[in-house]
Amino acid sequence: MSTFQRVSGSTEALEAGPPWSVGENEVRGLFGEEDWEVEKIDEIDVMRDELYKDSRERWRSAGLDELRE
């Protein structure tokens, strides 16, 4: 499963979507108590990672300061 977590920015940007913000605690709350094993494999800082260089300005103009995948 891959999720985006809107970490910091304007209130409107944090609540906006898609993609909707889904944090690690929410994933663990939904799946961790069942027969699922939840393991965080990686975390990417979208605003700094080279893979996302073409979309950074779009996220910033939407009011986000920090976004993690």
N, C-alpha and C. Protein backbone atom coordinates (compact mmCIF):
# COMPACT_ATOMS: atom_id res chain seq x y z
N MET A 1 0.84 -1.15 0.00
CA MET A 1 0.00 0.00 0.00
C MET A 1 0.90 1.23 0.00
N SER A 2 0.55 2.18 -0.80
CA SER A 2 1.28 3.45 -0.85
C SER A 2 0.30 4.56 -0.49
N THR A 3 0.70 5.41 0.46
CA THR A 3 -0.18 6.51 0.87
C THR A 3 0.56 7.83 0.83
N PHE A 4 -0.19 8.91 0.80
CA PHE A 4 0.36 10.26 0.92
C PHE A 4 -0.10 10.83 2.25
N GLN A 5 0.80 11.52 2.94
CA GLN A 5 0.45 12.20 4.17
C GLN A 5 0.81 13.67 4.02
N ARG A 6 -0.19 14.51 4.09
CA ARG A 6 0.01 15.96 4.03
C ARG A 6 0.40 16.40 5.43
N VAL A 7 1.67 16.74 5.64
CA VAL A 7 2.23 16.96 6.97
C VAL A 7 2.09 18.40 7.42
N SER A 8 2.42 19.37 6.57
CA SER A 8 2.30 20.77 6.96
C SER A 8 1.96 21.64 5.77
N GLY A 9 1.27 22.72 6.07
CA GLY A 9 0.83 23.66 5.05
C GLY A 9 -0.42 24.36 5.54
N SER A 10 -1.13 25.01 4.63
CA SER A 10 -2.36 25.70 5.01
C SER A 10 -3.43 24.68 5.40
N THR A 11 -4.39 25.12 6.17
CA THR A 11 -5.49 24.23 6.60
C THR A 11 -6.20 23.65 5.39
N GLU A 12 -6.45 24.48 4.39
CA GLU A 12 -7.14 24.02 3.18
C GLU A 12 -6.33 22.94 2.45
N ALA A 13 -5.01 23.14 2.37
CA ALA A 13 -4.15 22.17 1.69
C ALA A 13 -4.07 20.85 2.44
N LEU A 14 -4.07 20.92 3.76
CA LEU A 14 -3.98 19.70 4.57
C LEU A 14 -5.26 18.86 4.47
N GLU A 15 -6.38 19.51 4.25
CA GLU A 15 -7.67 18.81 4.19
C GLU A 15 -8.09 18.45 2.78
N ALA A 16 -7.40 18.99 1.78
CA ALA A 16 -7.79 18.79 0.39
C ALA A 16 -7.43 17.40 -0.12
N GLY A 17 -7.93 17.08 -1.25
CA GLY A 17 -7.60 15.85 -1.94
C GLY A 17 -8.28 15.86 -3.28
N PRO A 18 -8.11 14.88 -4.10
CA PRO A 18 -7.18 13.78 -3.96
C PRO A 18 -5.75 14.17 -4.30
N PRO A 19 -4.76 13.46 -3.93
CA PRO A 19 -4.85 12.30 -3.05
C PRO A 19 -5.14 12.76 -1.62
N TRP A 20 -5.95 12.00 -0.93
CA TRP A 20 -6.31 12.30 0.45
C TRP A 20 -5.17 11.90 1.36
N SER A 21 -5.03 12.63 2.43
CA SER A 21 -3.96 12.36 3.38
C SER A 21 -4.32 11.16 4.26
N VAL A 22 -3.43 10.17 4.28
CA VAL A 22 -3.61 8.98 5.12
C VAL A 22 -2.27 8.72 5.81
N GLY A 23 -2.23 8.92 7.11
CA GLY A 23 -1.00 8.75 7.85
C GLY A 23 -0.78 7.32 8.33
N GLU A 24 0.41 7.08 8.82
CA GLU A 24 0.78 5.74 9.30
C GLU A 24 -0.14 5.26 10.42
N ASN A 25 -0.48 6.14 11.36
CA ASN A 25 -1.35 5.74 12.46
C ASN A 25 -2.72 5.31 11.97
N GLU A 26 -3.25 5.98 10.94
CA GLU A 26 -4.55 5.60 10.39
C GLU A 26 -4.48 4.22 9.73
N VAL A 27 -3.40 3.97 8.99
CA VAL A 27 -3.23 2.66 8.34
C VAL A 27 -3.14 1.56 9.41
N ARG A 28 -2.34 1.80 10.44
CA ARG A 28 -2.21 0.81 11.51
C ARG A 28 -3.52 0.60 12.24
N GLY A 29 -4.28 1.67 12.44
CA GLY A 29 -5.58 1.56 13.10
C GLY A 29 -6.57 0.75 12.28
N LEU A 30 -6.51 0.89 10.97
CA LEU A 30 -7.45 0.18 10.10
C LEU A 30 -7.06 -1.28 9.87
N PHE A 31 -5.77 -1.56 9.78
CA PHE A 31 -5.33 -2.89 9.39
C PHE A 31 -4.50 -3.63 10.43
N GLY A 32 -3.91 -2.92 11.36
CA GLY A 32 -2.98 -3.54 12.30
C GLY A 32 -3.60 -4.47 13.31
N GLU A 33 -4.88 -4.28 13.61
CA GLU A 33 -5.52 -5.12 14.62
C GLU A 33 -6.12 -6.39 14.02
N GLU A 34 -6.22 -6.45 12.73
CA GLU A 34 -6.76 -7.63 12.07
C GLU A 34 -5.62 -8.64 11.86
N ASP A 35 -5.80 -9.53 10.95
CA ASP A 35 -4.77 -10.51 10.64
C ASP A 35 -3.76 -9.99 9.62
N TRP A 36 -3.54 -8.70 9.60
CA TRP A 36 -2.63 -8.08 8.66
C TRP A 36 -1.36 -7.66 9.39
N GLU A 37 -0.25 -7.80 8.72
CA GLU A 37 1.01 -7.29 9.26
C GLU A 37 1.30 -5.97 8.54
N VAL A 38 1.43 -4.92 9.31
CA VAL A 38 1.71 -3.60 8.74
C VAL A 38 3.17 -3.28 9.00
N GLU A 39 3.92 -3.08 7.91
CA GLU A 39 5.34 -2.78 8.02
C GLU A 39 5.67 -1.59 7.12
N LYS A 40 6.24 -0.57 7.70
CA LYS A 40 6.66 0.59 6.92
C LYS A 40 7.97 0.23 6.22
N ILE A 41 7.95 0.29 4.91
CA ILE A 41 9.11 -0.09 4.12
C ILE A 41 9.97 1.12 3.80
N ASP A 42 9.34 2.24 3.49
CA ASP A 42 10.08 3.43 3.09
C ASP A 42 9.21 4.66 3.31
N GLU A 43 9.84 5.81 3.35
CA GLU A 43 9.12 7.08 3.43
C GLU A 43 9.89 8.08 2.56
N ILE A 44 9.17 8.77 1.70
CA ILE A 44 9.79 9.72 0.78
C ILE A 44 9.28 11.12 1.10
N ASP A 45 10.20 12.07 1.21
CA ASP A 45 9.85 13.47 1.35
C ASP A 45 9.63 14.01 -0.06
N VAL A 46 8.38 14.13 -0.45
CA VAL A 46 8.03 14.50 -1.82
C VAL A 46 8.60 15.87 -2.20
N MET A 47 8.69 16.79 -1.25
CA MET A 47 9.16 18.13 -1.55
C MET A 47 10.68 18.19 -1.77
N ARG A 48 11.39 17.13 -1.44
CA ARG A 48 12.84 17.12 -1.60
C ARG A 48 13.35 16.02 -2.54
N ASP A 49 12.57 14.98 -2.73
CA ASP A 49 13.02 13.84 -3.53
C ASP A 49 13.07 14.19 -5.02
N GLU A 50 14.13 13.82 -5.67
CA GLU A 50 14.33 14.11 -7.09
C GLU A 50 13.24 13.51 -7.97
N LEU A 51 12.68 12.40 -7.55
CA LEU A 51 11.61 11.73 -8.31
C LEU A 51 10.40 12.66 -8.51
N TYR A 52 10.17 13.56 -7.57
CA TYR A 52 8.99 14.43 -7.61
C TYR A 52 9.32 15.86 -8.02
N LYS A 53 10.47 16.10 -8.60
CA LYS A 53 10.89 17.47 -8.90
C LYS A 53 9.90 18.20 -9.80
N ASP A 54 9.23 17.50 -10.71
CA ASP A 54 8.29 18.14 -11.63
C ASP A 54 6.97 18.52 -10.98
N SER A 55 6.65 17.95 -9.83
CA SER A 55 5.36 18.24 -9.20
C SER A 55 5.47 19.09 -7.93
N ARG A 56 6.69 19.40 -7.51
CA ARG A 56 6.87 20.19 -6.27
C ARG A 56 6.14 21.51 -6.30
N GLU A 57 6.27 22.25 -7.39
CA GLU A 57 5.66 23.58 -7.46
C GLU A 57 4.14 23.48 -7.38
N ARG A 58 3.58 22.43 -7.96
CA ARG A 58 2.12 22.24 -7.89
C ARG A 58 1.68 22.07 -6.44
N TRP A 59 2.43 21.27 -5.67
CA TRP A 59 2.08 21.06 -4.27
C TRP A 59 2.26 22.34 -3.46
N ARG A 60 3.35 23.06 -3.73
CA ARG A 60 3.60 24.32 -3.01
C ARG A 60 2.53 25.35 -3.33
N SER A 61 2.14 25.45 -4.60
CA SER A 61 1.11 26.43 -4.97
C SER A 61 -0.25 26.04 -4.40
N ALA A 62 -0.43 24.77 -4.07
CA ALA A 62 -1.66 24.31 -3.43
C ALA A 62 -1.64 24.60 -1.92
N GLY A 63 -0.50 25.07 -1.40
CA GLY A 63 -0.40 25.44 0.01
C GLY A 63 0.30 24.44 0.90
N LEU A 64 0.91 23.41 0.31
CA LEU A 64 1.60 22.41 1.13
C LEU A 64 3.07 22.77 1.32
N ASP A 65 3.56 22.58 2.53
CA ASP A 65 4.97 22.77 2.83
C ASP A 65 5.70 21.44 2.95
N GLU A 66 4.98 20.41 3.39
CA GLU A 66 5.59 19.08 3.57
C GLU A 66 4.58 18.02 3.18
N LEU A 67 5.02 17.10 2.34
CA LEU A 67 4.19 15.99 1.85
C LEU A 67 5.07 14.75 1.83
N ARG A 68 4.56 13.67 2.38
CA ARG A 68 5.33 12.42 2.43
C ARG A 68 4.53 11.30 1.76
N GLU A 69 5.27 10.43 1.08
CA GLU A 69 4.66 9.25 0.48
C GLU A 69 5.21 8.04 1.20
